[in-house]
């Protein structure tokens, strides 16, 4: 559970913004999205390979 201490006289919007930032850093939303649907290990491995190829291609273009 996230605890965001609110200081005296602090704007609620500012506290909400800190809560959202802290929530994003925990990765809860990302893990829920990943567990929403099962992905076969072979498909997961294939996507990792495609991502690595894409990143390598970008690095190669940058070094030209």
C-alpha atoms as a PDB file:
ATOM      1  CA  UNK A   1       0.000   0.000   0.000  1.00  0.00           C
ATOM      2  CA  UNK A   2       1.332   3.392  -0.953  1.00  0.00           C
ATOM      3  CA  UNK A   3       1.434   6.085   1.691  1.00  0.00           C
ATOM      4  CA  UNK A   4       1.760   9.695   0.588  1.00  0.00           C
ATOM      5  CA  UNK A   5       2.119  12.103   3.506  1.00  0.00           C
ATOM      6  CA  UNK A   6       0.351  15.390   2.844  1.00  0.00           C
ATOM      7  CA  UNK A   7       1.985  18.446   4.337  1.00  0.00           C
ATOM      8  CA  UNK A   8      -0.045  21.232   5.937  1.00  0.00           C
ATOM      9  CA  UNK A   9      -1.416  23.588   3.315  1.00  0.00           C
ATOM     10  CA  UNK A  10      -0.265  21.393   0.407  1.00  0.00           C
ATOM     11  CA  UNK A  11      -2.404  21.415  -2.692  1.00  0.00           C
ATOM     12  CA  UNK A  12      -4.291  18.138  -3.241  1.00  0.00           C
ATOM     13  CA  UNK A  13      -3.353  18.180  -6.931  1.00  0.00           C
ATOM     14  CA  UNK A  14       0.331  18.188  -6.017  1.00  0.00           C
ATOM     15  CA  UNK A  15      -0.155  15.256  -3.638  1.00  0.00           C
ATOM     16  CA  UNK A  16      -2.123  13.358  -6.279  1.00  0.00           C
ATOM     17  CA  UNK A  17       0.665  13.950  -8.781  1.00  0.00           C
ATOM     18  CA  UNK A  18       3.206  12.511  -6.301  1.00  0.00           C
ATOM     19  CA  UNK A  19       0.936   9.500  -5.744  1.00  0.00           C
ATOM     20  CA  UNK A  20       0.653   8.847  -9.482  1.00  0.00           C
ATOM     21  CA  UNK A  21       4.427   9.106  -9.949  1.00  0.00           C
ATOM     22  CA  UNK A  22       5.062   6.722  -7.055  1.00  0.00           C
ATOM     23  CA  UNK A  23       2.408   4.311  -8.361  1.00  0.00           C
ATOM     24  CA  UNK A  24       4.018   4.259 -11.819  1.00  0.00           C
ATOM     25  CA  UNK A  25       7.434   3.513 -10.328  1.00  0.00           C
ATOM     26  CA  UNK A  26       6.117   0.450  -8.462  1.00  0.00           C
ATOM     27  CA  UNK A  27       5.112  -1.224 -11.735  1.00  0.00           C
ATOM     28  CA  UNK A  28       1.766  -2.507 -10.440  1.00  0.00           C
ATOM     29  CA  UNK A  29      -0.147  -1.373 -13.496  1.00  0.00           C
ATOM     30  CA  UNK A  30       2.376  -2.966 -15.850  1.00  0.00           C
ATOM     31  CA  UNK A  31       2.305  -6.299 -14.011  1.00  0.00           C
ATOM     32  CA  UNK A  32      -1.501  -6.347 -14.033  1.00  0.00           C
ATOM     33  CA  UNK A  33      -1.481  -5.738 -17.769  1.00  0.00           C
ATOM     34  CA  UNK A  34       1.018  -8.572 -18.289  1.00  0.00           C
ATOM     35  CA  UNK A  35      -1.027 -11.023 -16.209  1.00  0.00           C
ATOM     36  CA  UNK A  36      -4.258 -10.090 -17.961  1.00  0.00           C
ATOM     37  CA  UNK A  37      -3.655 -12.645 -20.691  1.00  0.00           C
ATOM     38  CA  UNK A  38      -1.318 -15.631 -20.866  1.00  0.00           C
ATOM     39  CA  UNK A  39       1.483 -15.372 -23.411  1.00  0.00           C
ATOM     40  CA  UNK A  40       3.222 -18.518 -24.530  1.00  0.00           C
ATOM     41  CA  UNK A  41       6.955 -18.621 -23.742  1.00  0.00           C
ATOM     42  CA  UNK A  42       7.801 -19.055 -27.430  1.00  0.00           C
ATOM     43  CA  UNK A  43       5.845 -15.913 -28.348  1.00  0.00           C
ATOM     44  CA  UNK A  44       7.462 -13.995 -25.482  1.00  0.00           C
ATOM     45  CA  UNK A  45      10.912 -15.129 -26.655  1.00  0.00           C
ATOM     46  CA  UNK A  46      10.118 -14.093 -30.243  1.00  0.00           C
ATOM     47  CA  UNK A  47       9.059 -10.601 -29.164  1.00  0.00           C
ATOM     48  CA  UNK A  48      12.280 -10.205 -27.179  1.00  0.00           C
ATOM     49  CA  UNK A  49      14.311 -11.161 -30.240  1.00  0.00           C
ATOM     50  CA  UNK A  50      12.385  -8.726 -32.456  1.00  0.00           C
ATOM     51  CA  UNK A  51      12.881  -5.947 -29.927  1.00  0.00           C
ATOM     52  CA  UNK A  52      16.605  -6.682 -29.747  1.00  0.00           C
ATOM     53  CA  UNK A  53      16.842  -6.537 -33.547  1.00  0.00           C
ATOM     54  CA  UNK A  54      15.021  -3.220 -33.596  1.00  0.00           C
ATOM     55  CA  UNK A  55      17.256  -1.713 -30.918  1.00  0.00           C
ATOM     56  CA  UNK A  56      20.374  -2.986 -32.690  1.00  0.00           C
ATOM     57  CA  UNK A  57      19.146  -1.472 -35.955  1.00  0.00           C
ATOM     58  CA  UNK A  58      18.667   1.907 -34.253  1.00  0.00           C
ATOM     59  CA  UNK A  59      22.166   1.728 -32.743  1.00  0.00           C
ATOM     60  CA  UNK A  60      23.669   0.825 -36.107  1.00  0.00           C
ATOM     61  CA  UNK A  61      21.954   3.776 -37.792  1.00  0.00           C
ATOM     62  CA  UNK A  62      23.166   6.075 -35.031  1.00  0.00           C
ATOM     63  CA  UNK A  63      26.793   5.000 -35.498  1.00  0.00           C
ATOM     64  CA  UNK A  64      26.826   5.644 -39.251  1.00  0.00           C
END
